[in-house]
Amino acid sequence: MLRASFGLNVVPNYVSYVILISGCVDFGDLSIGNALYCCCCKIGLDLNVEICNVLIDLYAKLGCIYDALRVFRDMPQKDLISWNTMISMYANNGDCMEALALLKEMRNKNMEVDRVSFSICIND
């Protein structure tokens, strides 16, 4: 799909990349996910919050904790999904203290904390 769109002089938008990277999450394909992110960087989508969120999800689900943290820390703007994905990553990897630390940081930054944020920490 991506190659075909470049051949037709059609530039994929951020939604296209979010869908493609999400597919990499589903199939556990880190190398294609990274290649897609490189494409995002080349066209200026590397700081898009939705792109970063799906990239964090990719890294988190494939056990690349430091890569997920790097993307999260480099994001100029974070939303509730960004925070919850990181909290979930730490909780799922058994690092409950880090998950709680992020929850506290989230609250200190006056971010909206929802039921999902708390339930991730309680359930895991």
C-alpha atoms as a PDB file:
ATOM      1  CA  MET A   1       0.000   0.000   0.000  1.00  0.00           C
ATOM      2  CA  LEU A   2       2.714   2.438   0.980  1.00  0.00           C
ATOM      3  CA  ARG A   3       4.859   1.764  -2.085  1.00  0.00           C
ATOM      4  CA  ALA A   4       1.837   2.027  -4.344  1.00  0.00           C
ATOM      5  CA  SER A   5       0.864   5.380  -2.872  1.00  0.00           C
ATOM      6  CA  PHE A   6       4.373   6.758  -3.407  1.00  0.00           C
ATOM      7  CA  GLY A   7       4.276   5.540  -7.010  1.00  0.00           C
ATOM      8  CA  LEU A   8       1.065   7.499  -7.556  1.00  0.00           C
ATOM      9  CA  ASN A   9       2.507  10.684  -6.054  1.00  0.00           C
ATOM     10  CA  VAL A  10       0.115  10.326  -3.133  1.00  0.00           C
ATOM     11  CA  VAL A  11       1.653  11.103   0.228  1.00  0.00           C
ATOM     12  CA  PRO A  12       0.179   9.079   3.088  1.00  0.00           C
ATOM     13  CA  ASN A  13      -1.058  11.142   6.023  1.00  0.00           C
ATOM     14  CA  TYR A  14      -0.617  10.444   9.722  1.00  0.00           C
ATOM     15  CA  VAL A  15      -3.735   8.240   9.808  1.00  0.00           C
ATOM     16  CA  SER A  16      -2.197   5.946   7.183  1.00  0.00           C
ATOM     17  CA  TYR A  17       0.939   5.596   9.281  1.00  0.00           C
ATOM     18  CA  VAL A  18      -1.004   5.005  12.507  1.00  0.00           C
ATOM     19  CA  ILE A  19      -2.899   2.168  10.819  1.00  0.00           C
ATOM     20  CA  LEU A  20       0.250   0.664   9.319  1.00  0.00           C
ATOM     21  CA  ILE A  21       2.233   0.842  12.569  1.00  0.00           C
ATOM     22  CA  SER A  22      -0.770  -0.623  14.427  1.00  0.00           C
ATOM     23  CA  GLY A  23      -0.562  -3.555  12.042  1.00  0.00           C
ATOM     24  CA  CYS A  24       3.068  -3.984  13.051  1.00  0.00           C
ATOM     25  CA  VAL A  25       1.931  -4.106  16.681  1.00  0.00           C
ATOM     26  CA  ASP A  26      -0.589  -6.824  15.815  1.00  0.00           C
ATOM     27  CA  PHE A  27       1.982  -8.859  13.882  1.00  0.00           C
ATOM     28  CA  GLY A  28       4.883  -8.156  16.246  1.00  0.00           C
ATOM     29  CA  ASP A  29       7.028  -6.718  13.452  1.00  0.00           C
ATOM     30  CA  LEU A  30       9.473  -4.268  14.986  1.00  0.00           C
ATOM     31  CA  SER A  31      11.623  -3.779  11.879  1.00  0.00           C
ATOM     32  CA  ILE A  32       8.749  -2.674   9.649  1.00  0.00           C
ATOM     33  CA  GLY A  33       7.388  -0.504  12.469  1.00  0.00           C
ATOM     34  CA  ASN A  34      10.759   1.221  12.755  1.00  0.00           C
ATOM     35  CA  ALA A  35      10.963   1.648   8.972  1.00  0.00           C
ATOM     36  CA  LEU A  36       7.517   3.253   8.950  1.00  0.00           C
ATOM     37  CA  TYR A  37       8.571   5.573  11.750  1.00  0.00           C
ATOM     38  CA  CYS A  38      11.619   6.601   9.680  1.00  0.00           C
ATOM     39  CA  CYS A  39       9.203   7.517   6.883  1.00  0.00           C
ATOM     40  CA  CYS A  40       7.227   9.589   9.395  1.00  0.00           C
ATOM     41  CA  CYS A  41      10.405  11.408  10.392  1.00  0.00           C
ATOM     42  CA  LYS A  42      11.219  12.230   6.769  1.00  0.00           C
ATOM     43  CA  ILE A  43       7.859  13.911   6.204  1.00  0.00           C
ATOM     44  CA  GLY A  44       7.667  15.662   9.573  1.00  0.00           C
ATOM     45  CA  LEU A  45       5.193  13.392  11.363  1.00  0.00           C
ATOM     46  CA  ASP A  46       7.637  12.124  13.975  1.00  0.00           C
ATOM     47  CA  LEU A  47       6.244  14.370  16.728  1.00  0.00           C
ATOM     48  CA  ASN A  48       2.580  13.734  15.932  1.00  0.00           C
ATOM     49  CA  VAL A  49       0.937  12.540  19.155  1.00  0.00           C
ATOM     50  CA  GLU A  50      -0.998   9.706  17.491  1.00  0.00           C
ATOM     51  CA  ILE A  51       2.136   8.452  15.703  1.00  0.00           C
ATOM     52  CA  CYS A  52       4.102   8.584  18.954  1.00  0.00           C
ATOM     53  CA  ASN A  53       1.330   6.792  20.850  1.00  0.00           C
ATOM     54  CA  VAL A  54       1.205   3.886  18.412  1.00  0.00           C
ATOM     55  CA  LEU A  55       5.002   3.727  18.380  1.00  0.00           C
ATOM     56  CA  ILE A  56       5.053   3.576  22.194  1.00  0.00           C
ATOM     57  CA  ASP A  57       2.482   0.778  21.988  1.00  0.00           C
ATOM     58  CA  LEU A  58       4.652  -1.086  19.458  1.00  0.00           C
ATOM     59  CA  TYR A  59       7.743  -0.820  21.632  1.00  0.00           C
ATOM     60  CA  ALA A  60       5.850  -1.636  24.829  1.00  0.00           C
ATOM     61  CA  LYS A  61       4.219  -4.764  23.439  1.00  0.00           C
ATOM     62  CA  LEU A  62       7.488  -5.998  21.942  1.00  0.00           C
ATOM     63  CA  GLY A  63       9.420  -5.462  25.176  1.00  0.00           C
ATOM     64  CA  CYS A  64      11.466  -2.463  24.011  1.00  0.00           C
ATOM     65  CA  ILE A  65      10.909  -0.513  27.223  1.00  0.00           C
ATOM     66  CA  TYR A  66      13.770   1.950  26.781  1.00  0.00           C
ATOM     67  CA  ASP A  67      12.661   2.790  23.236  1.00  0.00           C
ATOM     68  CA  ALA A  68       9.103   3.388  24.444  1.00  0.00           C
ATOM     69  CA  LEU A  69      10.402   5.618  27.230  1.00  0.00           C
ATOM     70  CA  ARG A  70      12.613   7.560  24.783  1.00  0.00           C
ATOM     71  CA  VAL A  71       9.656   8.276  22.487  1.00  0.00           C
ATOM     72  CA  PHE A  72       7.485   9.228  25.471  1.00  0.00           C
ATOM     73  CA  ARG A  73      10.080  11.586  26.955  1.00  0.00           C
ATOM     74  CA  ASP A  74      10.776  13.212  23.567  1.00  0.00           C
ATOM     75  CA  MET A  75       7.097  13.914  22.858  1.00  0.00           C
ATOM     76  CA  PRO A  76       6.427  17.660  23.006  1.00  0.00           C
ATOM     77  CA  GLN A  77       2.755  16.978  23.725  1.00  0.00           C
ATOM     78  CA  LYS A  78       1.349  13.964  25.576  1.00  0.00           C
ATOM     79  CA  ASP A  79      -2.288  12.983  25.891  1.00  0.00           C
ATOM     80  CA  LEU A  80      -4.119  10.571  28.172  1.00  0.00           C
ATOM     81  CA  ILE A  81      -3.389   7.684  25.803  1.00  0.00           C
ATOM     82  CA  SER A  82       0.351   8.416  25.962  1.00  0.00           C
ATOM     83  CA  TRP A  83       0.370   8.297  29.745  1.00  0.00           C
ATOM     84  CA  ASN A  84      -1.899   5.249  30.052  1.00  0.00           C
ATOM     85  CA  THR A  85       0.122   3.297  27.485  1.00  0.00           C
ATOM     86  CA  MET A  86       3.318   3.920  29.437  1.00  0.00           C
ATOM     87  CA  ILE A  87       1.697   3.112  32.785  1.00  0.00           C
ATOM     88  CA  SER A  88       0.297  -0.096  31.295  1.00  0.00           C
ATOM     89  CA  MET A  89       3.693  -1.033  29.863  1.00  0.00           C
ATOM     90  CA  TYR A  90       5.371  -0.778  33.255  1.00  0.00           C
ATOM     91  CA  ALA A  91       2.540  -2.591  35.032  1.00  0.00           C
ATOM     92  CA  ASN A  92       2.508  -5.410  32.464  1.00  0.00           C
ATOM     93  CA  ASN A  93       6.259  -5.828  32.873  1.00  0.00           C
ATOM     94  CA  GLY A  94       5.932  -6.124  36.654  1.00  0.00           C
ATOM     95  CA  ASP A  95       7.395  -2.698  37.401  1.00  0.00           C
ATOM     96  CA  CYS A  96       4.519  -1.440  39.533  1.00  0.00           C
ATOM     97  CA  MET A  97       6.653   1.183  41.264  1.00  0.00           C
ATOM     98  CA  GLU A  98       7.502   2.820  37.930  1.00  0.00           C
ATOM     99  CA  ALA A  99       3.836   2.636  36.887  1.00  0.00           C
ATOM    100  CA  LEU A 100       2.828   4.397  40.104  1.00  0.00           C
ATOM    101  CA  ALA A 101       5.625   6.947  39.670  1.00  0.00           C
ATOM    102  CA  LEU A 102       4.280   7.800  36.210  1.00  0.00           C
ATOM    103  CA  LEU A 103       0.757   8.069  37.609  1.00  0.00           C
ATOM    104  CA  LYS A 104       2.066  10.500  40.222  1.00  0.00           C
ATOM    105  CA  GLU A 105       3.997  12.467  37.579  1.00  0.00           C
ATOM    106  CA  MET A 106       0.848  12.595  35.479  1.00  0.00           C
ATOM    107  CA  ARG A 107      -1.120  14.059  38.364  1.00  0.00           C
ATOM    108  CA  ASN A 108       1.688  16.512  39.196  1.00  0.00           C
ATOM    109  CA  LYS A 109       1.498  17.821  35.627  1.00  0.00           C
ATOM    110  CA  ASN A 110      -2.250  18.376  36.097  1.00  0.00           C
ATOM    111  CA  MET A 111      -3.052  15.772  33.477  1.00  0.00           C
ATOM    112  CA  GLU A 112      -6.509  14.259  33.522  1.00  0.00           C
ATOM    113  CA  VAL A 113      -6.338  10.943  35.367  1.00  0.00           C
ATOM    114  CA  ASP A 114      -9.219   8.657  34.475  1.00  0.00           C
ATOM    115  CA  ARG A 115     -10.531   5.315  35.707  1.00  0.00           C
ATOM    116  CA  VAL A 116      -8.324   3.511  33.201  1.00  0.00           C
ATOM    117  CA  SER A 117      -5.204   5.129  34.659  1.00  0.00           C
ATOM    118  CA  PHE A 118      -6.058   3.909  38.149  1.00  0.00           C
ATOM    119  CA  SER A 119      -7.352   0.499  37.110  1.00  0.00           C
ATOM    120  CA  ILE A 120      -4.135  -0.283  35.220  1.00  0.00           C
ATOM    121  CA  CYS A 121      -2.183   0.190  38.439  1.00  0.00           C
ATOM    122  CA  ILE A 122      -4.680  -1.697  40.588  1.00  0.00           C
ATOM    123  CA  ASN A 123      -5.222  -4.671  38.266  1.00  0.00           C
ATOM    124  CA  ASP A 124      -1.617  -5.293  37.330  1.00  0.00           C
END
